[in-house]
Structures are given as structure tokens and as C-alpha cells.
């Protein structure tokens, strides 16, 4: 099945600091592509994989599970580690949950994490009915494009495959149990007006991780897919500054220095 236009994975070979970006449930790399390109332009090695079952048609997700999605980002992290001295992991929504599990399981191999509207739990009565309903219905209405900014498309499915949703529910439970193992520096950005993941998820994550270097930022002008919304530039800038704290050669001041050098030699 061909990949939807815009949903292709993104990779950029840069320097010895790498960033792995994890997209969300039923979404695609399109939701993270501008962020990935921003980081690539600043000399970082960047990997933004397409999760199995995503970016084609929702029926393809029916035969995948959280183990498949996690295995993909785990492989990408290991690949980055072979070429980079430091690796950071950033995630949106379910991608935030994937990020947290990578941090919990890989320890010092992950230098820091950035979470945008991370998911922690499936809420509501429907979530509890998934073990049964998934055998009766194939899908339900989709979650895509919760974006305040007009005319933006995250290239996600308009249906949620219920077998995959059941697997996501199981995965979020696994991750919640592993949160105390997360010790890396964290930046967590979340939108007060999020129609997919409630603020309670961010609050629980912050209360359960063991990290001591934690920054929480509110995205007042954006909905769930904040990486494509009005606050996108702030997310990009904050994440780049975060990298610069732990990999000084890649911070904003270093980028400005390279820009000045380029203008001096290119004039």
C-alpha cells in the first residue's frame, strides 16, 4: 500500500548529536515534519520514522500493535546511537508515550526528552468497552486535525481502528508503570485547549517521573497537534535551546555563530 503524500519518513545526516521524533496514534510524520526540518537545518542528525500501520489506510493498522510501533522507534534510537554521541527523543501524543518508554528502558543512552501533549491514558466509557467492542466494530470516528490554525492537515486517518485502539490502551498502561524509571531532563509542553488528550495526562506524567530537571510550558494558542499549530515555532525554539543545554555545540548561540560565519564567507 503506497504511503500517503506528506506521510513519508524523514531522515537527515547531520553532526554527532541526534534527535528521534515520534509521531502520534493514527497520525504520520507530517505532524512532525516542520520540527524535524527545523532541527536538521541547525546541523543535527534527525530521524522521523513512519510507525507501522500508519500513513497508508486505517485498515493497515488493524494488524499492528503497540509492540510494532515501539519496536520501530527502538530500532531508530539504536541506529542513532551508533552514529551520535548524544541522542534526544521528542514525541507528540502517543509519540510522547513512546518517548517515555524509550527513556525508561534506555537510561543514559537518551540525553533528554521533549513531550508535546503526551498521552497517558484512554479516557471515558468507550475505552473500557474496547476489549469487547473491537470484535463487533472495525473502527470509529477519527481523531485527526485537532488544530486551531486553519487550513492545516496532519495527514492522519479519519477512522480509528479499534483493535489498534485496544492495543494503545494496553501500551499506555505499560508506560504508566514505567514512568518512575524516567530520570532524564524533560521539557513538557501542553495545550490547555486539547480535544484529544486532557491536561490530566500531562499532570500524571509529571507527578510520576523521577526526573529532577523538568520544564513545563503551556501552549495557549494551540490544540492537540501543536507541532503544526500557532505555537509550533515556540516548540521548535524551546527544544533547540534544550538540546543546547546538554550539547552546547548545537544550541541557539552556536547556530547564530554558524550563520554569522556563513554570511562572512558567502558575501
C-alpha atoms as a PDB file:
ATOM      1  CA  UNK A   1       0.000   0.000   0.000  1.00  0.00           C
ATOM      2  CA  UNK A   2       1.554   3.365  -1.025  1.00  0.00           C
ATOM      3  CA  UNK A   3       2.312   5.952   1.630  1.00  0.00           C
ATOM      4  CA  UNK A   4       0.040   8.994   1.652  1.00  0.00           C
ATOM      5  CA  UNK A   5       1.626  12.163   0.226  1.00  0.00           C
ATOM      6  CA  UNK A   6       3.294  14.010   3.091  1.00  0.00           C
ATOM      7  CA  UNK A   7       3.355  10.976   5.404  1.00  0.00           C
ATOM      8  CA  UNK A   8       6.805   9.796   4.332  1.00  0.00           C
ATOM      9  CA  UNK A   9       9.506   9.240   6.969  1.00  0.00           C
ATOM     10  CA  UNK A  10      12.241  11.872   7.219  1.00  0.00           C
ATOM     11  CA  UNK A  11      15.953  11.396   7.840  1.00  0.00           C
ATOM     12  CA  UNK A  12      18.833  13.833   7.815  1.00  0.00           C
ATOM     13  CA  UNK A  13      22.501  13.049   8.382  1.00  0.00           C
ATOM     14  CA  UNK A  14      23.979  15.879  10.409  1.00  0.00           C
ATOM     15  CA  UNK A  15      26.505  16.063  13.213  1.00  0.00           C
ATOM     16  CA  UNK A  16      27.187  13.892  16.244  1.00  0.00           C
ATOM     17  CA  UNK A  17      24.026  14.964  18.109  1.00  0.00           C
ATOM     18  CA  UNK A  18      20.886  13.146  17.064  1.00  0.00           C
ATOM     19  CA  UNK A  19      17.161  13.627  17.555  1.00  0.00           C
ATOM     20  CA  UNK A  20      14.498  10.939  17.200  1.00  0.00           C
ATOM     21  CA  UNK A  21      10.953  12.247  16.687  1.00  0.00           C
ATOM     22  CA  UNK A  22       7.891  10.059  17.363  1.00  0.00           C
ATOM     23  CA  UNK A  23       4.513  10.876  15.826  1.00  0.00           C
ATOM     24  CA  UNK A  24       1.103  10.067  17.273  1.00  0.00           C
ATOM     25  CA  UNK A  25      -1.590   7.376  17.031  1.00  0.00           C
ATOM     26  CA  UNK A  26      -3.272   7.288  13.577  1.00  0.00           C
ATOM     27  CA  UNK A  27      -1.077  10.246  12.623  1.00  0.00           C
ATOM     28  CA  UNK A  28       2.023  10.413  10.446  1.00  0.00           C
ATOM     29  CA  UNK A  29       5.424  12.100  10.148  1.00  0.00           C
ATOM     30  CA  UNK A  30       3.606  15.061   8.542  1.00  0.00           C
ATOM     31  CA  UNK A  31       2.674  16.249  12.043  1.00  0.00           C
ATOM     32  CA  UNK A  32       6.380  16.461  12.954  1.00  0.00           C
ATOM     33  CA  UNK A  33       7.992  17.261   9.601  1.00  0.00           C
ATOM     34  CA  UNK A  34       8.423  21.042  10.119  1.00  0.00           C
ATOM     35  CA  UNK A  35      10.006  20.333  13.524  1.00  0.00           C
ATOM     36  CA  UNK A  36      12.345  17.748  12.017  1.00  0.00           C
ATOM     37  CA  UNK A  37      13.372  20.131   9.233  1.00  0.00           C
ATOM     38  CA  UNK A  38      13.970  22.946  11.728  1.00  0.00           C
ATOM     39  CA  UNK A  39      16.380  20.730  13.676  1.00  0.00           C
ATOM     40  CA  UNK A  40      18.065  19.400  10.529  1.00  0.00           C
ATOM     41  CA  UNK A  41      18.733  22.957   9.339  1.00  0.00           C
ATOM     42  CA  UNK A  42      20.663  23.519  12.574  1.00  0.00           C
ATOM     43  CA  UNK A  43      23.097  20.719  11.932  1.00  0.00           C
ATOM     44  CA  UNK A  44      21.508  17.910  13.920  1.00  0.00           C
ATOM     45  CA  UNK A  45      21.142  14.327  12.770  1.00  0.00           C
ATOM     46  CA  UNK A  46      17.389  13.719  12.653  1.00  0.00           C
ATOM     47  CA  UNK A  47      15.213  10.606  12.342  1.00  0.00           C
ATOM     48  CA  UNK A  48      11.429  10.790  11.984  1.00  0.00           C
ATOM     49  CA  UNK A  49      10.145   7.272  11.226  1.00  0.00           C
ATOM     50  CA  UNK A  50       6.725   6.249   9.941  1.00  0.00           C
ATOM     51  CA  UNK A  51       5.190   3.898  12.504  1.00  0.00           C
ATOM     52  CA  UNK A  52       3.927   0.521  11.194  1.00  0.00           C
ATOM     53  CA  UNK A  53       0.317   0.633  10.005  1.00  0.00           C
ATOM     54  CA  UNK A  54       0.339   4.424   9.746  1.00  0.00           C
ATOM     55  CA  UNK A  55       0.412   6.752   6.762  1.00  0.00           C
ATOM     56  CA  UNK A  56      -1.422   4.476   4.313  1.00  0.00           C
ATOM     57  CA  UNK A  57      -5.017   3.484   5.205  1.00  0.00           C
ATOM     58  CA  UNK A  58      -6.580   2.816   8.584  1.00  0.00           C
ATOM     59  CA  UNK A  59      -7.234  -0.843   7.735  1.00  0.00           C
ATOM     60  CA  UNK A  60      -3.466  -1.418   7.736  1.00  0.00           C
ATOM     61  CA  UNK A  61      -3.359  -0.523  11.444  1.00  0.00           C
ATOM     62  CA  UNK A  62      -5.728  -3.346  12.316  1.00  0.00           C
ATOM     63  CA  UNK A  63      -2.920  -5.898  12.044  1.00  0.00           C
ATOM     64  CA  UNK A  64      -0.390  -3.876  14.063  1.00  0.00           C
ATOM     65  CA  UNK A  65       0.049  -3.446  17.801  1.00  0.00           C
ATOM     66  CA  UNK A  66       1.952  -1.287  20.248  1.00  0.00           C
ATOM     67  CA  UNK A  67       4.818  -3.770  20.130  1.00  0.00           C
ATOM     68  CA  UNK A  68       5.241  -2.966  16.427  1.00  0.00           C
ATOM     69  CA  UNK A  69       5.161   0.795  16.974  1.00  0.00           C
ATOM     70  CA  UNK A  70       7.590   0.650  19.868  1.00  0.00           C
ATOM     71  CA  UNK A  71       9.948  -1.712  18.025  1.00  0.00           C
ATOM     72  CA  UNK A  72      10.226   0.816  15.191  1.00  0.00           C
ATOM     73  CA  UNK A  73      11.309   3.722  17.392  1.00  0.00           C
ATOM     74  CA  UNK A  74      13.549   1.433  19.430  1.00  0.00           C
ATOM     75  CA  UNK A  75      15.389   0.422  16.238  1.00  0.00           C
ATOM     76  CA  UNK A  76      15.734   4.049  15.184  1.00  0.00           C
ATOM     77  CA  UNK A  77      17.143   5.020  18.580  1.00  0.00           C
ATOM     78  CA  UNK A  78      19.724   2.241  18.410  1.00  0.00           C
ATOM     79  CA  UNK A  79      20.702   3.322  14.893  1.00  0.00           C
ATOM     80  CA  UNK A  80      21.185   6.928  16.020  1.00  0.00           C
ATOM     81  CA  UNK A  81      23.246   5.777  18.981  1.00  0.00           C
ATOM     82  CA  UNK A  82      25.678   4.036  16.629  1.00  0.00           C
ATOM     83  CA  UNK A  83      26.475   7.334  14.896  1.00  0.00           C
ATOM     84  CA  UNK A  84      25.831  10.047  17.505  1.00  0.00           C
ATOM     85  CA  UNK A  85      27.480  10.910  20.804  1.00  0.00           C
ATOM     86  CA  UNK A  86      24.198  12.215  22.244  1.00  0.00           C
ATOM     87  CA  UNK A  87      20.611  11.417  21.300  1.00  0.00           C
ATOM     88  CA  UNK A  88      17.433  13.251  22.316  1.00  0.00           C
ATOM     89  CA  UNK A  89      13.909  11.911  21.823  1.00  0.00           C
ATOM     90  CA  UNK A  90      10.864  14.103  21.133  1.00  0.00           C
ATOM     91  CA  UNK A  91       7.253  12.903  20.924  1.00  0.00           C
ATOM     92  CA  UNK A  92       3.716  14.103  20.230  1.00  0.00           C
ATOM     93  CA  UNK A  93       0.654  12.444  21.816  1.00  0.00           C
ATOM     94  CA  UNK A  94       1.181   8.651  21.667  1.00  0.00           C
ATOM     95  CA  UNK A  95       4.638   9.569  20.417  1.00  0.00           C
ATOM     96  CA  UNK A  96       5.130  11.080  23.855  1.00  0.00           C
ATOM     97  CA  UNK A  97       4.318   7.718  25.414  1.00  0.00           C
ATOM     98  CA  UNK A  98       6.784   6.025  23.056  1.00  0.00           C
ATOM     99  CA  UNK A  99       9.364   8.635  24.075  1.00  0.00           C
ATOM    100  CA  UNK A 100       8.787   7.968  27.767  1.00  0.00           C
ATOM    101  CA  UNK A 101       9.245   4.222  27.322  1.00  0.00           C
ATOM    102  CA  UNK A 102      12.467   4.729  25.380  1.00  0.00           C
ATOM    103  CA  UNK A 103      13.721   6.953  28.192  1.00  0.00           C
ATOM    104  CA  UNK A 104      12.693   4.442  30.867  1.00  0.00           C
ATOM    105  CA  UNK A 105      14.314   1.473  29.133  1.00  0.00           C
ATOM    106  CA  UNK A 106      17.441   3.043  27.623  1.00  0.00           C
ATOM    107  CA  UNK A 107      18.540   5.226  30.542  1.00  0.00           C
ATOM    108  CA  UNK A 108      21.664   7.281  29.839  1.00  0.00           C
ATOM    109  CA  UNK A 109      21.508   6.428  26.130  1.00  0.00           C
ATOM    110  CA  UNK A 110      18.785   9.106  25.953  1.00  0.00           C
ATOM    111  CA  UNK A 111      20.176  12.527  26.886  1.00  0.00           C
ATOM    112  CA  UNK A 112      16.828  14.285  27.274  1.00  0.00           C
ATOM    113  CA  UNK A 113      13.214  14.216  26.123  1.00  0.00           C
ATOM    114  CA  UNK A 114      10.646  16.737  24.882  1.00  0.00           C
ATOM    115  CA  UNK A 115       6.948  15.849  25.141  1.00  0.00           C
ATOM    116  CA  UNK A 116       4.094  17.657  23.372  1.00  0.00           C
ATOM    117  CA  UNK A 117       0.588  16.853  24.638  1.00  0.00           C
ATOM    118  CA  UNK A 118       1.704  13.373  25.684  1.00  0.00           C
ATOM    119  CA  UNK A 119      -0.895  10.641  26.136  1.00  0.00           C
ATOM    120  CA  UNK A 120      -1.031   8.656  29.372  1.00  0.00           C
ATOM    121  CA  UNK A 121      -4.474   7.029  29.459  1.00  0.00           C
ATOM    122  CA  UNK A 122      -7.522   6.337  27.306  1.00  0.00           C
ATOM    123  CA  UNK A 123     -10.450   8.083  28.948  1.00  0.00           C
ATOM    124  CA  UNK A 124     -14.199   7.540  29.007  1.00  0.00           C
ATOM    125  CA  UNK A 125     -16.630   4.646  29.000  1.00  0.00           C
ATOM    126  CA  UNK A 126     -15.756   3.706  25.427  1.00  0.00           C
ATOM    127  CA  UNK A 127     -12.182   2.874  26.443  1.00  0.00           C
ATOM    128  CA  UNK A 128     -13.396   0.288  28.948  1.00  0.00           C
ATOM    129  CA  UNK A 129     -15.610  -1.284  26.283  1.00  0.00           C
ATOM    130  CA  UNK A 130     -12.763  -1.743  23.783  1.00  0.00           C
ATOM    131  CA  UNK A 131     -11.961  -5.375  24.695  1.00  0.00           C
ATOM    132  CA  UNK A 132     -15.467  -6.364  23.532  1.00  0.00           C
ATOM    133  CA  UNK A 133     -16.406  -3.671  21.004  1.00  0.00           C
ATOM    134  CA  UNK A 134     -13.296  -4.256  18.881  1.00  0.00           C
ATOM    135  CA  UNK A 135     -14.740  -7.654  17.926  1.00  0.00           C
ATOM    136  CA  UNK A 136     -18.038  -6.066  16.860  1.00  0.00           C
ATOM    137  CA  UNK A 137     -16.889  -2.902  15.074  1.00  0.00           C
ATOM    138  CA  UNK A 138     -13.820  -2.390  12.916  1.00  0.00           C
ATOM    139  CA  UNK A 139     -13.420   1.342  13.505  1.00  0.00           C
ATOM    140  CA  UNK A 140     -14.874   4.540  14.885  1.00  0.00           C
ATOM    141  CA  UNK A 141     -14.622   8.245  14.040  1.00  0.00           C
ATOM    142  CA  UNK A 142     -11.069   9.590  13.796  1.00  0.00           C
ATOM    143  CA  UNK A 143      -9.048  11.976  15.937  1.00  0.00           C
ATOM    144  CA  UNK A 144      -7.052  13.796  13.273  1.00  0.00           C
ATOM    145  CA  UNK A 145      -6.576  17.536  12.760  1.00  0.00           C
ATOM    146  CA  UNK A 146      -7.314  18.928  16.219  1.00  0.00           C
ATOM    147  CA  UNK A 147      -5.568  22.147  15.163  1.00  0.00           C
ATOM    148  CA  UNK A 148      -6.617  25.738  15.875  1.00  0.00           C
ATOM    149  CA  UNK A 149      -4.768  27.092  12.849  1.00  0.00           C
ATOM    150  CA  UNK A 150      -6.953  26.983   9.745  1.00  0.00           C
ATOM    151  CA  UNK A 151      -6.043  25.091   6.610  1.00  0.00           C
ATOM    152  CA  UNK A 152      -3.555  22.669   8.195  1.00  0.00           C
ATOM    153  CA  UNK A 153      -3.651  18.894   7.652  1.00  0.00           C
ATOM    154  CA  UNK A 154      -1.634  16.457   9.776  1.00  0.00           C
ATOM    155  CA  UNK A 155      -2.196  13.626   7.248  1.00  0.00           C
ATOM    156  CA  UNK A 156      -3.865  11.276   9.719  1.00  0.00           C
ATOM    157  CA  UNK A 157      -6.633   8.714   9.463  1.00  0.00           C
ATOM    158  CA  UNK A 158     -10.287   9.749   9.578  1.00  0.00           C
ATOM    159  CA  UNK A 159     -11.095   6.421  11.296  1.00  0.00           C
ATOM    160  CA  UNK A 160      -9.675   4.793  14.441  1.00  0.00           C
ATOM    161  CA  UNK A 161      -9.171   1.023  14.056  1.00  0.00           C
ATOM    162  CA  UNK A 162     -10.452  -0.484  17.274  1.00  0.00           C
ATOM    163  CA  UNK A 163      -8.030  -3.404  17.501  1.00  0.00           C
ATOM    164  CA  UNK A 164      -5.217  -0.861  17.390  1.00  0.00           C
ATOM    165  CA  UNK A 165      -7.006   1.357  19.917  1.00  0.00           C
ATOM    166  CA  UNK A 166      -7.238  -1.598  22.304  1.00  0.00           C
ATOM    167  CA  UNK A 167      -3.512  -2.169  21.893  1.00  0.00           C
ATOM    168  CA  UNK A 168      -2.852   1.515  22.566  1.00  0.00           C
ATOM    169  CA  UNK A 169      -4.833   1.253  25.793  1.00  0.00           C
ATOM    170  CA  UNK A 170      -2.638  -1.665  26.883  1.00  0.00           C
ATOM    171  CA  UNK A 171       0.507   0.230  25.930  1.00  0.00           C
ATOM    172  CA  UNK A 172      -0.395   3.319  27.936  1.00  0.00           C
ATOM    173  CA  UNK A 173      -0.847   1.128  30.996  1.00  0.00           C
ATOM    174  CA  UNK A 174       2.611  -0.365  30.456  1.00  0.00           C
ATOM    175  CA  UNK A 175       4.192   3.068  30.097  1.00  0.00           C
ATOM    176  CA  UNK A 176       2.436   4.424  33.179  1.00  0.00           C
ATOM    177  CA  UNK A 177       4.001   1.653  35.225  1.00  0.00           C
ATOM    178  CA  UNK A 178       7.465   2.533  33.911  1.00  0.00           C
ATOM    179  CA  UNK A 179       7.285   6.306  34.484  1.00  0.00           C
ATOM    180  CA  UNK A 180       9.308   6.225  37.746  1.00  0.00           C
ATOM    181  CA  UNK A 181      12.235   4.874  35.678  1.00  0.00           C
ATOM    182  CA  UNK A 182      12.371   8.096  33.647  1.00  0.00           C
ATOM    183  CA  UNK A 183      15.225  10.206  35.055  1.00  0.00           C
ATOM    184  CA  UNK A 184      16.349  12.312  32.063  1.00  0.00           C
ATOM    185  CA  UNK A 185      15.843  16.072  31.741  1.00  0.00           C
ATOM    186  CA  UNK A 186      12.345  16.775  30.414  1.00  0.00           C
ATOM    187  CA  UNK A 187      10.517  19.586  28.663  1.00  0.00           C
ATOM    188  CA  UNK A 188       6.756  19.019  28.616  1.00  0.00           C
ATOM    189  CA  UNK A 189       4.612  21.351  26.518  1.00  0.00           C
ATOM    190  CA  UNK A 190       0.839  21.020  26.585  1.00  0.00           C
ATOM    191  CA  UNK A 191      -2.230  22.822  25.307  1.00  0.00           C
ATOM    192  CA  UNK A 192      -4.987  23.876  27.740  1.00  0.00           C
ATOM    193  CA  UNK A 193      -7.427  23.505  24.803  1.00  0.00           C
ATOM    194  CA  UNK A 194      -6.695  19.945  23.715  1.00  0.00           C
ATOM    195  CA  UNK A 195      -9.702  17.998  22.427  1.00  0.00           C
ATOM    196  CA  UNK A 196      -7.859  14.654  22.224  1.00  0.00           C
ATOM    197  CA  UNK A 197      -5.652  14.338  25.329  1.00  0.00           C
ATOM    198  CA  UNK A 198      -6.746  16.037  28.580  1.00  0.00           C
ATOM    199  CA  UNK A 199      -4.384  18.074  30.752  1.00  0.00           C
ATOM    200  CA  UNK A 200      -4.712  15.364  33.412  1.00  0.00           C
ATOM    201  CA  UNK A 201      -2.381  13.169  31.348  1.00  0.00           C
ATOM    202  CA  UNK A 202       0.455  15.698  31.498  1.00  0.00           C
ATOM    203  CA  UNK A 203      -0.134  16.224  35.215  1.00  0.00           C
ATOM    204  CA  UNK A 204       0.079  12.500  35.918  1.00  0.00           C
ATOM    205  CA  UNK A 205       3.247  12.102  33.882  1.00  0.00           C
ATOM    206  CA  UNK A 206       4.914  14.961  35.740  1.00  0.00           C
ATOM    207  CA  UNK A 207       3.859  13.501  39.085  1.00  0.00           C
ATOM    208  CA  UNK A 208       5.246  10.022  38.356  1.00  0.00           C
ATOM    209  CA  UNK A 209       8.556  10.517  36.531  1.00  0.00           C
ATOM    210  CA  UNK A 210      11.760  10.671  38.603  1.00  0.00           C
ATOM    211  CA  UNK A 211      13.389  13.465  36.570  1.00  0.00           C
ATOM    212  CA  UNK A 212      14.661  16.414  38.596  1.00  0.00           C
ATOM    213  CA  UNK A 213      15.282  18.739  35.630  1.00  0.00           C
ATOM    214  CA  UNK A 214      11.734  19.397  34.409  1.00  0.00           C
ATOM    215  CA  UNK A 215      10.292  22.336  32.471  1.00  0.00           C
ATOM    216  CA  UNK A 216       6.545  22.671  31.880  1.00  0.00           C
ATOM    217  CA  UNK A 217       5.283  25.061  29.193  1.00  0.00           C
ATOM    218  CA  UNK A 218       1.677  25.936  28.292  1.00  0.00           C
ATOM    219  CA  UNK A 219       0.742  26.285  24.615  1.00  0.00           C
ATOM    220  CA  UNK A 220      -2.111  28.757  24.943  1.00  0.00           C
ATOM    221  CA  UNK A 221      -2.826  29.248  21.230  1.00  0.00           C
ATOM    222  CA  UNK A 222      -2.849  25.634  20.060  1.00  0.00           C
ATOM    223  CA  UNK A 223      -4.963  22.486  20.171  1.00  0.00           C
ATOM    224  CA  UNK A 224      -3.686  18.906  20.248  1.00  0.00           C
ATOM    225  CA  UNK A 225      -1.414  18.857  17.186  1.00  0.00           C
ATOM    226  CA  UNK A 226       0.535  21.817  18.485  1.00  0.00           C
ATOM    227  CA  UNK A 227       3.541  20.989  16.303  1.00  0.00           C
ATOM    228  CA  UNK A 228       1.537  22.287  13.311  1.00  0.00           C
ATOM    229  CA  UNK A 229      -0.367  24.977  15.186  1.00  0.00           C
ATOM    230  CA  UNK A 230       0.150  28.588  16.263  1.00  0.00           C
ATOM    231  CA  UNK A 231       2.727  27.617  18.919  1.00  0.00           C
ATOM    232  CA  UNK A 232       4.835  25.440  16.615  1.00  0.00           C
ATOM    233  CA  UNK A 233       7.714  27.898  16.389  1.00  0.00           C
ATOM    234  CA  UNK A 234       7.890  28.110  20.156  1.00  0.00           C
ATOM    235  CA  UNK A 235       8.071  24.324  20.415  1.00  0.00           C
ATOM    236  CA  UNK A 236      10.900  24.254  17.897  1.00  0.00           C
ATOM    237  CA  UNK A 237      12.847  27.032  19.625  1.00  0.00           C
ATOM    238  CA  UNK A 238      12.388  25.616  23.129  1.00  0.00           C
ATOM    239  CA  UNK A 239      13.508  22.160  22.006  1.00  0.00           C
ATOM    240  CA  UNK A 240      16.565  23.557  20.261  1.00  0.00           C
ATOM    241  CA  UNK A 241      17.530  25.565  23.344  1.00  0.00           C
ATOM    242  CA  UNK A 242      17.010  22.417  25.437  1.00  0.00           C
ATOM    243  CA  UNK A 243      19.460  20.498  23.255  1.00  0.00           C
ATOM    244  CA  UNK A 244      21.922  23.358  23.594  1.00  0.00           C
ATOM    245  CA  UNK A 245      21.949  22.997  27.384  1.00  0.00           C
ATOM    246  CA  UNK A 246      23.284  19.443  27.156  1.00  0.00           C
ATOM    247  CA  UNK A 247      25.080  19.586  23.798  1.00  0.00           C
ATOM    248  CA  UNK A 248      26.472  23.145  23.767  1.00  0.00           C
ATOM    249  CA  UNK A 249      27.724  22.968  20.198  1.00  0.00           C
ATOM    250  CA  UNK A 250      24.123  22.754  18.968  1.00  0.00           C
ATOM    251  CA  UNK A 251      22.374  25.482  20.948  1.00  0.00           C
ATOM    252  CA  UNK A 252      20.928  28.731  19.573  1.00  0.00           C
ATOM    253  CA  UNK A 253      24.153  30.654  20.193  1.00  0.00           C
ATOM    254  CA  UNK A 254      26.135  28.081  18.209  1.00  0.00           C
ATOM    255  CA  UNK A 255      23.639  28.266  15.350  1.00  0.00           C
ATOM    256  CA  UNK A 256      23.911  32.055  15.322  1.00  0.00           C
ATOM    257  CA  UNK A 257      27.676  31.737  15.200  1.00  0.00           C
ATOM    258  CA  UNK A 258      27.457  29.452  12.177  1.00  0.00           C
ATOM    259  CA  UNK A 259      25.062  31.874  10.474  1.00  0.00           C
ATOM    260  CA  UNK A 260      27.485  34.772  11.012  1.00  0.00           C
ATOM    261  CA  UNK A 261      30.366  32.700   9.724  1.00  0.00           C
ATOM    262  CA  UNK A 262      28.344  31.708   6.667  1.00  0.00           C
ATOM    263  CA  UNK A 263      27.403  35.307   5.870  1.00  0.00           C
ATOM    264  CA  UNK A 264      31.010  36.432   6.263  1.00  0.00           C
ATOM    265  CA  UNK A 265      32.371  33.815   3.865  1.00  0.00           C
ATOM    266  CA  UNK A 266      29.438  33.904   1.461  1.00  0.00           C
ATOM    267  CA  UNK A 267      29.396  37.671   0.871  1.00  0.00           C
END
